[in-house]
């Protein structure tokens, strides 16, 4: 079965930031999804480099992908360039968080 970016994105929409209650896709934390056969590579960031939830969020992304795509080789990398900013929030996340910037 061919893995698609849409399938991976839908999977990651189920991974919630435990502090904000918004999924990692709508928060704009997912920068890149690369699929090569049965290998899924995800570049993601955090709202700030010192985020205490780093391990939880990256681990949640990896676990969700491993469960959804059993047998796939999954690699999740934390990246800091470009830095995250509130402009990366989806319209739904902005509304949920009350962001008006």
PDB file of N, CA and C in Angstrom:
ATOM      1  N   UNK A   1       0.833  -1.182   0.000  1.00  0.00           N
ATOM      2  CA  UNK A   1       0.000   0.000   0.000  1.00  0.00           C
ATOM      3  C   UNK A   1       0.881   1.250   0.000  1.00  0.00           C
ATOM      4  N   UNK A   2       0.608   2.142  -0.898  1.00  0.00           N
ATOM      5  CA  UNK A   2       1.380   3.371  -1.000  1.00  0.00           C
ATOM      6  C   UNK A   2       0.947   4.354   0.085  1.00  0.00           C
ATOM      7  N   UNK A   3       1.914   4.886   0.810  1.00  0.00           N
ATOM      8  CA  UNK A   3       1.651   5.878   1.854  1.00  0.00           C
ATOM      9  C   UNK A   3       1.649   7.252   1.192  1.00  0.00           C
ATOM     10  N   UNK A   4       0.638   8.060   1.516  1.00  0.00           N
ATOM     11  CA  UNK A   4       0.550   9.396   0.927  1.00  0.00           C
ATOM     12  C   UNK A   4       0.748  10.478   1.994  1.00  0.00           C
ATOM     13  N   UNK A   5       1.109  11.660   1.533  1.00  0.00           N
ATOM     14  CA  UNK A   5       1.268  12.797   2.436  1.00  0.00           C
ATOM     15  C   UNK A   5      -0.052  13.124   3.128  1.00  0.00           C
ATOM     16  N   UNK A   6      -1.158  13.018   2.408  1.00  0.00           N
ATOM     17  CA  UNK A   6      -2.469  13.280   3.008  1.00  0.00           C
ATOM     18  C   UNK A   6      -2.762  12.310   4.149  1.00  0.00           C
ATOM     19  N   UNK A   7      -2.391  11.045   3.975  1.00  0.00           N
ATOM     20  CA  UNK A   7      -2.609  10.055   5.033  1.00  0.00           C
ATOM     21  C   UNK A   7      -1.759  10.388   6.266  1.00  0.00           C
ATOM     22  N   UNK A   8      -0.507  10.760   6.026  1.00  0.00           N
ATOM     23  CA  UNK A   8       0.389  11.108   7.134  1.00  0.00           C
ATOM     24  C   UNK A   8      -0.141  12.350   7.849  1.00  0.00           C
ATOM     25  N   UNK A   9      -0.556  13.360   7.091  1.00  0.00           N
ATOM     26  CA  UNK A   9      -1.086  14.585   7.692  1.00  0.00           C
ATOM     27  C   UNK A   9      -2.324  14.277   8.530  1.00  0.00           C
ATOM     28  N   UNK A  10      -3.229  13.462   7.997  1.00  0.00           N
ATOM     29  CA  UNK A  10      -4.434  13.094   8.741  1.00  0.00           C
ATOM     30  C   UNK A  10      -4.076  12.381  10.048  1.00  0.00           C
ATOM     31  N   UNK A  11      -3.074  11.539  10.000  1.00  0.00           N
ATOM     32  CA  UNK A  11      -2.603  10.843  11.196  1.00  0.00           C
ATOM     33  C   UNK A  11      -2.085  11.850  12.216  1.00  0.00           C
ATOM     34  N   UNK A  12      -1.280  12.799  11.757  1.00  0.00           N
ATOM     35  CA  UNK A  12      -0.663  13.767  12.667  1.00  0.00           C
ATOM     36  C   UNK A  12      -1.676  14.753  13.240  1.00  0.00           C
ATOM     37  N   UNK A  13      -2.807  14.912  12.572  1.00  0.00           N
ATOM     38  CA  UNK A  13      -3.866  15.774  13.114  1.00  0.00           C
ATOM     39  C   UNK A  13      -4.476  15.180  14.384  1.00  0.00           C
ATOM     40  N   UNK A  14      -4.150  13.932  14.686  1.00  0.00           N
ATOM     41  CA  UNK A  14      -4.635  13.288  15.907  1.00  0.00           C
ATOM     42  C   UNK A  14      -3.662  13.476  17.071  1.00  0.00           C
ATOM     43  N   UNK A  15      -2.475  14.037  16.815  1.00  0.00           N
ATOM     44  CA  UNK A  15      -1.469  14.238  17.860  1.00  0.00           C
ATOM     45  C   UNK A  15      -1.669  15.629  18.448  1.00  0.00           C
ATOM     46  N   UNK A  16      -2.067  15.653  19.707  1.00  0.00           N
ATOM     47  CA  UNK A  16      -2.408  16.912  20.361  1.00  0.00           C
ATOM     48  C   UNK A  16      -1.273  17.426  21.242  1.00  0.00           C
ATOM     49  N   UNK A  17      -1.097  18.736  21.244  1.00  0.00           N
ATOM     50  CA  UNK A  17      -0.203  19.371  22.204  1.00  0.00           C
ATOM     51  C   UNK A  17      -0.938  19.334  23.542  1.00  0.00           C
ATOM     52  N   UNK A  18      -0.373  18.648  24.552  1.00  0.00           N
ATOM     53  CA  UNK A  18      -1.104  18.492  25.812  1.00  0.00           C
ATOM     54  C   UNK A  18      -1.316  19.811  26.563  1.00  0.00           C
ATOM     55  N   UNK A  19      -0.485  20.800  26.327  1.00  0.00           N
ATOM     56  CA  UNK A  19      -0.645  22.083  27.022  1.00  0.00           C
ATOM     57  C   UNK A  19      -1.691  22.963  26.349  1.00  0.00           C
ATOM     58  N   UNK A  20      -1.741  22.933  25.021  1.00  0.00           N
ATOM     59  CA  UNK A  20      -2.622  23.836  24.284  1.00  0.00           C
ATOM     60  C   UNK A  20      -3.915  23.174  23.807  1.00  0.00           C
ATOM     61  N   UNK A  21      -3.924  21.841  23.735  1.00  0.00           N
ATOM     62  CA  UNK A  21      -5.119  21.141  23.292  1.00  0.00           C
ATOM     63  C   UNK A  21      -5.415  21.315  21.812  1.00  0.00           C
ATOM     64  N   UNK A  22      -4.378  21.594  21.023  1.00  0.00           N
ATOM     65  CA  UNK A  22      -4.508  21.775  19.573  1.00  0.00           C
ATOM     66  C   UNK A  22      -3.534  20.793  18.921  1.00  0.00           C
ATOM     67  N   UNK A  23      -3.912  20.258  17.766  1.00  0.00           N
ATOM     68  CA  UNK A  23      -3.046  19.263  17.133  1.00  0.00           C
ATOM     69  C   UNK A  23      -1.803  19.909  16.512  1.00  0.00           C
ATOM     70  N   UNK A  24      -0.777  19.084  16.326  1.00  0.00           N
ATOM     71  CA  UNK A  24       0.525  19.579  15.868  1.00  0.00           C
ATOM     72  C   UNK A  24       0.488  20.143  14.447  1.00  0.00           C
ATOM     73  N   UNK A  25      -0.457  19.679  13.627  1.00  0.00           N
ATOM     74  CA  UNK A  25      -0.577  20.205  12.260  1.00  0.00           C
ATOM     75  C   UNK A  25      -1.139  21.627  12.315  1.00  0.00           C
ATOM     76  N   UNK A  26      -2.246  21.809  13.042  1.00  0.00           N
ATOM     77  CA  UNK A  26      -2.855  23.140  13.130  1.00  0.00           C
ATOM     78  C   UNK A  26      -1.959  24.140  13.865  1.00  0.00           C
ATOM     79  N   UNK A  27      -1.102  23.638  14.751  1.00  0.00           N
ATOM     80  CA  UNK A  27      -0.154  24.530  15.422  1.00  0.00           C
ATOM     81  C   UNK A  27       0.977  24.969  14.496  1.00  0.00           C
ATOM     82  N   UNK A  28       1.083  24.329  13.343  1.00  0.00           N
ATOM     83  CA  UNK A  28       2.144  24.682  12.413  1.00  0.00           C
ATOM     84  C   UNK A  28       3.495  24.106  12.794  1.00  0.00           C
ATOM     85  N   UNK A  29       3.476  23.023  13.558  1.00  0.00           N
ATOM     86  CA  UNK A  29       4.730  22.414  14.019  1.00  0.00           C
ATOM     87  C   UNK A  29       5.331  21.448  13.006  1.00  0.00           C
ATOM     88  N   UNK A  30       4.541  21.024  12.028  1.00  0.00           N
ATOM     89  CA  UNK A  30       5.040  20.082  11.019  1.00  0.00           C
ATOM     90  C   UNK A  30       5.553  20.885   9.830  1.00  0.00           C
ATOM     91  N   UNK A  31       6.851  20.777   9.583  1.00  0.00           N
ATOM     92  CA  UNK A  31       7.483  21.550   8.504  1.00  0.00           C
ATOM     93  C   UNK A  31       7.572  20.772   7.204  1.00  0.00           C
ATOM     94  N   UNK A  32       7.861  19.484   7.294  1.00  0.00           N
ATOM     95  CA  UNK A  32       8.093  18.718   6.073  1.00  0.00           C
ATOM     96  C   UNK A  32       7.735  17.260   6.303  1.00  0.00           C
ATOM     97  N   UNK A  33       7.117  16.657   5.303  1.00  0.00           N
ATOM     98  CA  UNK A  33       6.823  15.228   5.302  1.00  0.00           C
ATOM     99  C   UNK A  33       7.408  14.667   4.012  1.00  0.00           C
ATOM    100  N   UNK A  34       8.289  13.685   4.153  1.00  0.00           N
ATOM    101  CA  UNK A  34       8.900  13.045   2.990  1.00  0.00           C
ATOM    102  C   UNK A  34       8.607  11.552   3.072  1.00  0.00           C
ATOM    103  N   UNK A  35       8.076  11.011   1.987  1.00  0.00           N
ATOM    104  CA  UNK A  35       7.758   9.589   1.934  1.00  0.00           C
ATOM    105  C   UNK A  35       8.543   8.973   0.783  1.00  0.00           C
ATOM    106  N   UNK A  36       9.342   7.980   1.129  1.00  0.00           N
ATOM    107  CA  UNK A  36      10.121   7.241   0.127  1.00  0.00           C
ATOM    108  C   UNK A  36       9.832   5.769   0.341  1.00  0.00           C
ATOM    109  N   UNK A  37       8.919   5.227  -0.458  1.00  0.00           N
ATOM    110  CA  UNK A  37       8.522   3.831  -0.279  1.00  0.00           C
ATOM    111  C   UNK A  37       7.840   3.651   1.053  1.00  0.00           C
ATOM    112  N   UNK A  38       8.452   2.859   1.926  1.00  0.00           N
ATOM    113  CA  UNK A  38       7.896   2.607   3.258  1.00  0.00           C
ATOM    114  C   UNK A  38       8.627   3.397   4.342  1.00  0.00           C
ATOM    115  N   UNK A  39       9.343   4.441   3.950  1.00  0.00           N
ATOM    116  CA  UNK A  39      10.023   5.300   4.931  1.00  0.00           C
ATOM    117  C   UNK A  39       9.292   6.639   5.006  1.00  0.00           C
ATOM    118  N   UNK A  40       8.946   7.042   6.224  1.00  0.00           N
ATOM    119  CA  UNK A  40       8.300   8.320   6.469  1.00  0.00           C
ATOM    120  C   UNK A  40       9.250   9.172   7.296  1.00  0.00           C
ATOM    121  N   UNK A  41       9.631  10.317   6.741  1.00  0.00           N
ATOM    122  CA  UNK A  41      10.486  11.262   7.461  1.00  0.00           C
ATOM    123  C   UNK A  41       9.682  12.535   7.701  1.00  0.00           C
ATOM    124  N   UNK A  42       9.688  12.988   8.940  1.00  0.00           N
ATOM    125  CA  UNK A  42       8.957  14.200   9.307  1.00  0.00           C
ATOM    126  C   UNK A  42       9.924  15.161   9.977  1.00  0.00           C
ATOM    127  N   UNK A  43       9.951  16.391   9.468  1.00  0.00           N
ATOM    128  CA  UNK A  43      10.664  17.477  10.141  1.00  0.00           C
ATOM    129  C   UNK A  43       9.619  18.282  10.882  1.00  0.00           C
ATOM    130  N   UNK A  44       9.850  18.464  12.163  1.00  0.00           N
ATOM    131  CA  UNK A  44       8.912  19.244  12.961  1.00  0.00           C
ATOM    132  C   UNK A  44       9.683  20.193  13.863  1.00  0.00           C
ATOM    133  N   UNK A  45       8.985  21.161  14.385  1.00  0.00           N
ATOM    134  CA  UNK A  45       9.579  22.107  15.296  1.00  0.00           C
ATOM    135  C   UNK A  45       8.708  22.205  16.530  1.00  0.00           C
ATOM    136  N   UNK A  46       9.084  23.069  17.420  1.00  0.00           N
ATOM    137  CA  UNK A  46       8.301  23.357  18.615  1.00  0.00           C
ATOM    138  C   UNK A  46       8.110  24.865  18.686  1.00  0.00           C
ATOM    139  N   UNK A  47       7.203  25.302  19.539  1.00  0.00           N
ATOM    140  CA  UNK A  47       6.954  26.737  19.619  1.00  0.00           C
ATOM    141  C   UNK A  47       8.173  27.496  20.130  1.00  0.00           C
ATOM    142  N   UNK A  48       9.033  26.817  20.903  1.00  0.00           N
ATOM    143  CA  UNK A  48      10.323  27.406  21.290  1.00  0.00           C
ATOM    144  C   UNK A  48      11.302  26.289  21.616  1.00  0.00           C
ATOM    145  N   UNK A  49      12.592  26.538  21.396  1.00  0.00           N
ATOM    146  CA  UNK A  49      13.592  25.472  21.584  1.00  0.00           C
ATOM    147  C   UNK A  49      13.645  24.895  22.997  1.00  0.00           C
ATOM    148  N   UNK A  50      13.240  25.666  23.997  1.00  0.00           N
ATOM    149  CA  UNK A  50      13.285  25.182  25.370  1.00  0.00           C
ATOM    150  C   UNK A  50      11.991  24.541  25.823  1.00  0.00           C
ATOM    151  N   UNK A  51      11.119  24.212  24.895  1.00  0.00           N
ATOM    152  CA  UNK A  51       9.806  23.651  25.216  1.00  0.00           C
ATOM    153  C   UNK A  51       9.965  22.382  26.062  1.00  0.00           C
ATOM    154  N   UNK A  52       9.354  22.347  27.246  1.00  0.00           N
ATOM    155  CA  UNK A  52       9.481  21.160  28.087  1.00  0.00           C
ATOM    156  C   UNK A  52       8.742  19.943  27.530  1.00  0.00           C
ATOM    157  N   UNK A  53       7.909  20.144  26.520  1.00  0.00           N
ATOM    158  CA  UNK A  53       7.142  19.051  25.935  1.00  0.00           C
ATOM    159  C   UNK A  53       7.833  18.439  24.713  1.00  0.00           C
ATOM    160  N   UNK A  54       9.076  18.807  24.451  1.00  0.00           N
ATOM    161  CA  UNK A  54       9.782  18.352  23.242  1.00  0.00           C
ATOM    162  C   UNK A  54       9.713  16.842  23.078  1.00  0.00           C
ATOM    163  N   UNK A  55      10.101  16.106  24.093  1.00  0.00           N
ATOM    164  CA  UNK A  55      10.108  14.651  24.002  1.00  0.00           C
ATOM    165  C   UNK A  55       8.718  14.075  23.839  1.00  0.00           C
ATOM    166  N   UNK A  56       7.755  14.676  24.522  1.00  0.00           N
ATOM    167  CA  UNK A  56       6.378  14.186  24.453  1.00  0.00           C
ATOM    168  C   UNK A  56       5.815  14.389  23.050  1.00  0.00           C
ATOM    169  N   UNK A  57       5.999  15.578  22.491  1.00  0.00           N
ATOM    170  CA  UNK A  57       5.435  15.871  21.167  1.00  0.00           C
ATOM    171  C   UNK A  57       6.115  15.066  20.070  1.00  0.00           C
ATOM    172  N   UNK A  58       7.438  15.065  20.044  1.00  0.00           N
ATOM    173  CA  UNK A  58       8.153  14.300  19.017  1.00  0.00           C
ATOM    174  C   UNK A  58       7.851  12.807  19.168  1.00  0.00           C
ATOM    175  N   UNK A  59       7.810  12.329  20.405  1.00  0.00           N
ATOM    176  CA  UNK A  59       7.489  10.927  20.647  1.00  0.00           C
ATOM    177  C   UNK A  59       6.062  10.595  20.238  1.00  0.00           C
ATOM    178  N   UNK A  60       5.142  11.526  20.462  1.00  0.00           N
ATOM    179  CA  UNK A  60       3.751  11.315  20.064  1.00  0.00           C
ATOM    180  C   UNK A  60       3.599  11.228  18.560  1.00  0.00           C
ATOM    181  N   UNK A  61       4.345  12.081  17.844  1.00  0.00           N
ATOM    182  CA  UNK A  61       4.325  12.046  16.379  1.00  0.00           C
ATOM    183  C   UNK A  61       4.860  10.706  15.892  1.00  0.00           C
ATOM    184  N   UNK A  62       5.988  10.292  16.439  1.00  0.00           N
ATOM    185  CA  UNK A  62       6.591   9.017  16.021  1.00  0.00           C
ATOM    186  C   UNK A  62       5.668   7.837  16.331  1.00  0.00           C
ATOM    187  N   UNK A  63       5.103   7.809  17.526  1.00  0.00           N
ATOM    188  CA  UNK A  63       4.227   6.707  17.920  1.00  0.00           C
ATOM    189  C   UNK A  63       2.982   6.656  17.040  1.00  0.00           C
ATOM    190  N   UNK A  64       2.375   7.802  16.762  1.00  0.00           N
ATOM    191  CA  UNK A  64       1.173   7.835  15.928  1.00  0.00           C
ATOM    192  C   UNK A  64       1.466   7.279  14.537  1.00  0.00           C
ATOM    193  N   UNK A  65       2.608   7.658  13.980  1.00  0.00           N
ATOM    194  CA  UNK A  65       2.965   7.177  12.644  1.00  0.00           C
ATOM    195  C   UNK A  65       3.257   5.680  12.645  1.00  0.00           C
ATOM    196  N   UNK A  66       3.961   5.210  13.664  1.00  0.00           N
ATOM    197  CA  UNK A  66       4.272   3.772  13.741  1.00  0.00           C
ATOM    198  C   UNK A  66       2.997   2.939  13.882  1.00  0.00           C
ATOM    199  N   UNK A  67       2.034   3.440  14.643  1.00  0.00           N
ATOM    200  CA  UNK A  67       0.774   2.716  14.823  1.00  0.00           C
ATOM    201  C   UNK A  67      -0.072   2.744  13.549  1.00  0.00           C
ATOM    202  N   UNK A  68      -0.120   3.886  12.883  1.00  0.00           N
ATOM    203  CA  UNK A  68      -0.958   4.030  11.687  1.00  0.00           C
ATOM    204  C   UNK A  68      -0.361   3.324  10.479  1.00  0.00           C
ATOM    205  N   UNK A  69       0.962   3.290  10.401  1.00  0.00           N
ATOM    206  CA  UNK A  69       1.645   2.722   9.237  1.00  0.00           C
ATOM    207  C   UNK A  69       2.578   1.606   9.710  1.00  0.00           C
ATOM    208  N   UNK A  70       1.975   0.549  10.194  1.00  0.00           N
ATOM    209  CA  UNK A  70       2.710  -0.574  10.760  1.00  0.00           C
ATOM    210  C   UNK A  70       3.731  -1.102   9.761  1.00  0.00           C
ATOM    211  N   UNK A  71       4.950  -1.260  10.233  1.00  0.00           N
ATOM    212  CA  UNK A  71       6.016  -1.772   9.383  1.00  0.00           C
ATOM    213  C   UNK A  71       6.798  -0.695   8.652  1.00  0.00           C
ATOM    214  N   UNK A  72       6.301   0.539   8.685  1.00  0.00           N
ATOM    215  CA  UNK A  72       7.022   1.635   8.018  1.00  0.00           C
ATOM    216  C   UNK A  72       8.228   2.040   8.864  1.00  0.00           C
ATOM    217  N   UNK A  73       9.241   2.515   8.192  1.00  0.00           N
ATOM    218  CA  UNK A  73      10.417   3.079   8.847  1.00  0.00           C
ATOM    219  C   UNK A  73      10.097   4.553   9.108  1.00  0.00           C
ATOM    220  N   UNK A  74      10.060   4.952  10.373  1.00  0.00           N
ATOM    221  CA  UNK A  74       9.648   6.306  10.740  1.00  0.00           C
ATOM    222  C   UNK A  74      10.824   7.067  11.338  1.00  0.00           C
ATOM    223  N   UNK A  75      11.028   8.279  10.850  1.00  0.00           N
ATOM    224  CA  UNK A  75      12.083   9.149  11.369  1.00  0.00           C
ATOM    225  C   UNK A  75      11.491  10.530  11.625  1.00  0.00           C
ATOM    226  N   UNK A  76      11.594  11.003  12.868  1.00  0.00           N
ATOM    227  CA  UNK A  76      11.100  12.333  13.236  1.00  0.00           C
ATOM    228  C   UNK A  76      12.292  13.160  13.678  1.00  0.00           C
ATOM    229  N   UNK A  77      12.474  14.310  13.025  1.00  0.00           N
ATOM    230  CA  UNK A  77      13.593  15.195  13.347  1.00  0.00           C
ATOM    231  C   UNK A  77      13.065  16.539  13.836  1.00  0.00           C
ATOM    232  N   UNK A  78      13.635  17.022  14.938  1.00  0.00           N
ATOM    233  CA  UNK A  78      13.320  18.372  15.405  1.00  0.00           C
ATOM    234  C   UNK A  78      14.233  19.351  14.693  1.00  0.00           C
ATOM    235  N   UNK A  79      13.646  20.369  14.103  1.00  0.00           N
ATOM    236  CA  UNK A  79      14.415  21.393  13.395  1.00  0.00           C
ATOM    237  C   UNK A  79      14.018  22.756  13.940  1.00  0.00           C
ATOM    238  N   UNK A  80      14.923  23.714  13.808  1.00  0.00           N
ATOM    239  CA  UNK A  80      14.676  25.049  14.376  1.00  0.00           C
ATOM    240  C   UNK A  80      14.739  26.152  13.330  1.00  0.00           C
ATOM    241  N   UNK A  81      14.936  25.773  12.075  1.00  0.00           N
ATOM    242  CA  UNK A  81      15.043  26.762  11.012  1.00  0.00           C
ATOM    243  C   UNK A  81      14.062  26.416   9.910  1.00  0.00           C
ATOM    244  N   UNK A  82      13.110  27.264   9.620  1.00  0.00           N
ATOM    245  CA  UNK A  82      12.920  28.582  10.226  1.00  0.00           C
ATOM    246  C   UNK A  82      12.275  28.442  11.610  1.00  0.00           C
ATOM    247  N   UNK A  83      12.498  29.434  12.473  1.00  0.00           N
ATOM    248  CA  UNK A  83      11.881  29.373  13.791  1.00  0.00           C
ATOM    249  C   UNK A  83      10.353  29.441  13.675  1.00  0.00           C
ATOM    250  N   UNK A  84       9.682  28.770  14.589  1.00  0.00           N
ATOM    251  CA  UNK A  84       8.227  28.804  14.609  1.00  0.00           C
ATOM    252  C   UNK A  84       7.763  30.217  14.969  1.00  0.00           C
ATOM    253  N   UNK A  85       6.641  30.610  14.399  1.00  0.00           N
ATOM    254  CA  UNK A  85       6.008  31.877  14.774  1.00  0.00           C
ATOM    255  C   UNK A  85       4.498  31.687  14.734  1.00  0.00           C
ATOM    256  N   UNK A  86       3.739  32.537  15.404  1.00  0.00           N
ATOM    257  CA  UNK A  86       2.279  32.385  15.435  1.00  0.00           C
ATOM    258  C   UNK A  86       1.619  32.439  14.053  1.00  0.00           C
ATOM    259  N   UNK A  87       2.297  32.991  13.072  1.00  0.00           N
ATOM    260  CA  UNK A  87       1.743  33.035  11.719  1.00  0.00           C
ATOM    261  C   UNK A  87       1.566  31.627  11.135  1.00  0.00           C
ATOM    262  N   UNK A  88       2.244  30.638  11.705  1.00  0.00           N
ATOM    263  CA  UNK A  88       2.133  29.257  11.226  1.00  0.00           C
ATOM    264  C   UNK A  88       0.850  28.581  11.709  1.00  0.00           C
ATOM    265  N   UNK A  89       0.153  29.191  12.667  1.00  0.00           N
ATOM    266  CA  UNK A  89      -1.088  28.623  13.173  1.00  0.00           C
ATOM    267  C   UNK A  89      -2.139  28.587  12.066  1.00  0.00           C
ATOM    268  N   UNK A  90      -2.904  27.510  12.016  1.00  0.00           N
ATOM    269  CA  UNK A  90      -4.026  27.453  11.073  1.00  0.00           C
ATOM    270  C   UNK A  90      -5.123  28.390  11.565  1.00  0.00           C
ATOM    271  N   UNK A  91      -6.076  28.695  10.711  1.00  0.00           N
ATOM    272  CA  UNK A  91      -7.207  29.543  11.095  1.00  0.00           C
ATOM    273  C   UNK A  91      -7.964  28.906  12.269  1.00  0.00           C
ATOM    274  N   UNK A  92      -8.112  27.580  12.222  1.00  0.00           N
ATOM    275  CA  UNK A  92      -8.822  26.883  13.296  1.00  0.00           C
ATOM    276  C   UNK A  92      -8.070  27.025  14.621  1.00  0.00           C
ATOM    277  N   UNK A  93      -6.737  26.897  14.590  1.00  0.00           N
ATOM    278  CA  UNK A  93      -5.939  27.020  15.810  1.00  0.00           C
ATOM    279  C   UNK A  93      -5.990  28.450  16.341  1.00  0.00           C
ATOM    280  N   UNK A  94      -5.918  29.427  15.445  1.00  0.00           N
ATOM    281  CA  UNK A  94      -6.008  30.828  15.878  1.00  0.00           C
ATOM    282  C   UNK A  94      -7.331  31.081  16.584  1.00  0.00           C
ATOM    283  N   UNK A  95      -8.405  30.565  16.013  1.00  0.00           N
ATOM    284  CA  UNK A  95      -9.724  30.748  16.627  1.00  0.00           C
ATOM    285  C   UNK A  95      -9.796  30.052  17.982  1.00  0.00           C
ATOM    286  N   UNK A  96      -9.306  28.820  18.049  1.00  0.00           N
ATOM    287  CA  UNK A  96      -9.368  28.059  19.287  1.00  0.00           C
ATOM    288  C   UNK A  96      -8.541  28.692  20.397  1.00  0.00           C
ATOM    289  N   UNK A  97      -7.386  29.249  20.014  1.00  0.00           N
ATOM    290  CA  UNK A  97      -6.487  29.845  21.007  1.00  0.00           C
ATOM    291  C   UNK A  97      -6.788  31.327  21.265  1.00  0.00           C
ATOM    292  N   UNK A  98      -7.711  31.884  20.476  1.00  0.00           N
ATOM    293  CA  UNK A  98      -8.044  33.306  20.652  1.00  0.00           C
ATOM    294  C   UNK A  98      -6.942  34.230  20.160  1.00  0.00           C
ATOM    295  N   UNK A  99      -6.144  33.745  19.212  1.00  0.00           N
ATOM    296  CA  UNK A  99      -5.032  34.565  18.672  1.00  0.00           C
ATOM    297  C   UNK A  99      -5.575  35.578  17.683  1.00  0.00           C
ATOM    298  N   UNK A 100      -5.244  36.823  17.911  1.00  0.00           N
ATOM    299  CA  UNK A 100      -5.743  37.875  17.021  1.00  0.00           C
ATOM    300  C   UNK A 100      -4.629  38.643  16.335  1.00  0.00           C
ATOM    301  N   UNK A 101      -3.381  38.209  16.517  1.00  0.00           N
ATOM    302  CA  UNK A 101      -2.236  38.918  15.952  1.00  0.00           C
ATOM    303  C   UNK A 101      -2.178  38.878  14.525  1.00  0.00           C
TER     304      UNK A 101
END
